[in-house]
């Protein structure tokens, strides 16, 4: 099977620090693959919150993750501090992609890079909806 290659954007619009707690650690004594998705989720929530949004309310619409890809570069351990950088890119009528770079805060070593695709969803109408203008204006203009 071919390896996933993720090209990262040159500029990230948001950065947050997330400590590696014991609940992120797997039987190999490092951050597990499932935990990395949780770390990315936490970072994405922080990005949205910094603009007054939540995953359930971006001008009345929710955000649904449609796909995810993670490329691991190094291990992270309990007690490490991670810097998660996020760029919002590739807009389309119904959504966009979030790109992430996870860096070890102290050493600067790249731990992982990832991408999650999303669509906007109207939970009342139970259907995919066009991206809200406020979101597009914030990230794509």
Protein backbone atom coordinates (compact mmCIF):
# COMPACT_ATOMS: atom_id res chain seq x y z
CA UNK A 1 0.00 0.00 0.00
CA UNK A 2 1.28 3.47 -0.87
CA UNK A 3 2.24 5.76 1.98
CA UNK A 4 0.18 8.90 2.54
CA UNK A 5 2.06 12.09 1.70
CA UNK A 6 0.71 15.31 3.17
CA UNK A 7 2.09 18.58 1.89
CA UNK A 8 1.64 21.24 4.54
CA UNK A 9 0.71 24.84 3.82
CA UNK A 10 3.39 27.49 4.21
CA UNK A 11 1.37 29.48 6.76
CA UNK A 12 -0.66 28.33 9.78
CA UNK A 13 -3.29 30.70 11.15
CA UNK A 14 -3.62 29.19 14.63
CA UNK A 15 -1.33 27.60 17.20
CA UNK A 16 -2.14 26.03 20.55
CA UNK A 17 -0.21 24.04 23.13
CA UNK A 18 -1.51 20.69 24.35
CA UNK A 19 0.21 18.68 27.09
CA UNK A 20 0.52 14.93 26.68
CA UNK A 21 -1.33 13.42 29.61
CA UNK A 22 -1.33 9.78 30.66
CA UNK A 23 -4.70 9.14 29.03
CA UNK A 24 -3.08 9.71 25.59
CA UNK A 25 -0.51 6.95 26.15
CA UNK A 26 -0.87 3.47 24.64
CA UNK A 27 0.73 0.13 25.52
CA UNK A 28 3.85 1.18 23.57
CA UNK A 29 4.35 4.00 26.13
CA UNK A 30 3.80 6.77 23.57
CA UNK A 31 0.85 8.74 22.16
CA UNK A 32 -1.52 6.30 20.44
CA UNK A 33 -2.97 6.85 16.99
CA UNK A 34 -6.48 7.24 18.42
CA UNK A 35 -5.19 9.79 20.91
CA UNK A 36 -3.56 11.83 18.16
CA UNK A 37 -7.00 12.28 16.59
CA UNK A 38 -8.27 13.46 20.00
CA UNK A 39 -5.40 15.94 20.24
CA UNK A 40 -6.23 17.28 16.77
CA UNK A 41 -9.90 17.49 17.75
CA UNK A 42 -9.04 19.51 20.86
CA UNK A 43 -6.89 21.87 18.79
CA UNK A 44 -9.67 22.33 16.21
CA UNK A 45 -12.18 23.13 18.96
CA UNK A 46 -9.78 25.73 20.37
CA UNK A 47 -9.41 27.30 16.93
CA UNK A 48 -13.17 27.53 16.48
CA UNK A 49 -13.66 28.88 20.00
CA UNK A 50 -11.08 31.60 19.37
CA UNK A 51 -13.48 32.93 16.71
CA UNK A 52 -16.65 32.53 18.80
CA UNK A 53 -17.71 29.27 17.14
CA UNK A 54 -18.20 25.68 18.29
CA UNK A 55 -18.42 22.48 16.26
CA UNK A 56 -22.18 22.54 16.79
CA UNK A 57 -22.71 26.22 16.07
CA UNK A 58 -21.01 28.03 13.24
CA UNK A 59 -23.78 30.48 12.42
CA UNK A 60 -26.31 27.77 13.26
CA UNK A 61 -24.56 24.95 11.43
CA UNK A 62 -22.53 22.06 12.75
CA UNK A 63 -19.19 20.83 11.49
CA UNK A 64 -18.85 17.17 10.54
CA UNK A 65 -15.50 15.51 9.88
CA UNK A 66 -15.71 13.49 6.65
CA UNK A 67 -12.18 12.10 6.46
CA UNK A 68 -8.87 12.12 8.29
CA UNK A 69 -5.27 11.35 7.40
CA UNK A 70 -2.37 11.32 9.84
CA UNK A 71 1.31 10.86 9.06
CA UNK A 72 3.43 10.08 12.11
CA UNK A 73 6.99 11.41 12.18
CA UNK A 74 8.12 10.74 15.78
CA UNK A 75 6.85 9.57 19.13
CA UNK A 76 5.50 11.78 21.90
CA UNK A 77 5.46 10.74 25.56
CA UNK A 78 3.60 11.53 28.76
CA UNK A 79 4.79 14.89 30.05
CA UNK A 80 5.69 16.29 26.62
CA UNK A 81 4.13 19.54 25.49
CA UNK A 82 2.91 19.62 21.92
CA UNK A 83 2.39 22.65 19.76
CA UNK A 84 -0.43 22.09 17.27
CA UNK A 85 -0.52 24.42 14.27
CA UNK A 86 -3.65 24.63 12.12
CA UNK A 87 -4.38 26.04 8.66
CA UNK A 88 -7.88 26.07 7.13
CA UNK A 89 -7.67 25.54 3.37
CA UNK A 90 -9.21 24.08 0.24
CA UNK A 91 -12.68 25.61 0.54
CA UNK A 92 -15.53 24.13 -1.42
CA UNK A 93 -19.26 24.82 -1.49
CA UNK A 94 -19.98 22.66 1.56
CA UNK A 95 -16.77 22.56 3.57
CA UNK A 96 -13.00 22.72 3.68
CA UNK A 97 -9.88 20.99 4.97
CA UNK A 98 -8.02 21.55 8.22
CA UNK A 99 -4.27 20.94 8.04
CA UNK A 100 -2.29 20.28 11.23
CA UNK A 101 1.35 20.14 12.16
CA UNK A 102 2.18 18.72 15.59
CA UNK A 103 5.56 19.80 16.97
CA UNK A 104 7.34 18.83 20.19
CA UNK A 105 7.37 22.17 22.03
CA UNK A 106 10.83 21.78 23.58
CA UNK A 107 12.83 20.04 20.84
CA UNK A 108 11.02 21.44 17.80
CA UNK A 109 10.80 17.93 16.36
CA UNK A 110 7.83 17.22 14.11
CA UNK A 111 5.64 14.56 15.73
CA UNK A 112 2.86 14.35 13.13
CA UNK A 113 1.10 16.08 10.29
CA UNK A 114 -2.55 15.59 9.48
CA UNK A 115 -5.54 16.69 7.47
CA UNK A 116 -9.24 16.45 8.27
CA UNK A 117 -11.92 17.20 5.73
CA UNK A 118 -15.22 18.64 6.89
CA UNK A 119 -18.67 19.65 5.73
CA UNK A 120 -21.20 21.96 7.31
CA UNK A 121 -24.37 20.29 8.51
CA UNK A 122 -27.79 21.65 9.38
CA UNK A 123 -28.93 19.43 12.25
CA UNK A 124 -32.50 20.78 12.11
CA UNK A 125 -32.92 19.99 8.41
CA UNK A 126 -30.68 16.88 8.67
CA UNK A 127 -28.67 17.81 5.57
CA UNK A 128 -25.33 19.10 4.40
CA UNK A 129 -25.37 22.89 3.95
CA UNK A 130 -23.29 25.52 2.25
CA UNK A 131 -20.42 26.93 4.27
CA UNK A 132 -21.54 29.99 6.25
CA UNK A 133 -20.46 33.33 4.85
CA UNK A 134 -18.90 34.37 8.17
CA UNK A 135 -16.66 31.28 8.13
CA UNK A 136 -15.67 31.81 4.49
CA UNK A 137 -14.97 35.49 5.13
CA UNK A 138 -12.82 34.66 8.14
CA UNK A 139 -10.67 31.95 6.55
CA UNK A 140 -10.82 32.43 2.80
CA UNK A 141 -10.93 36.17 2.06
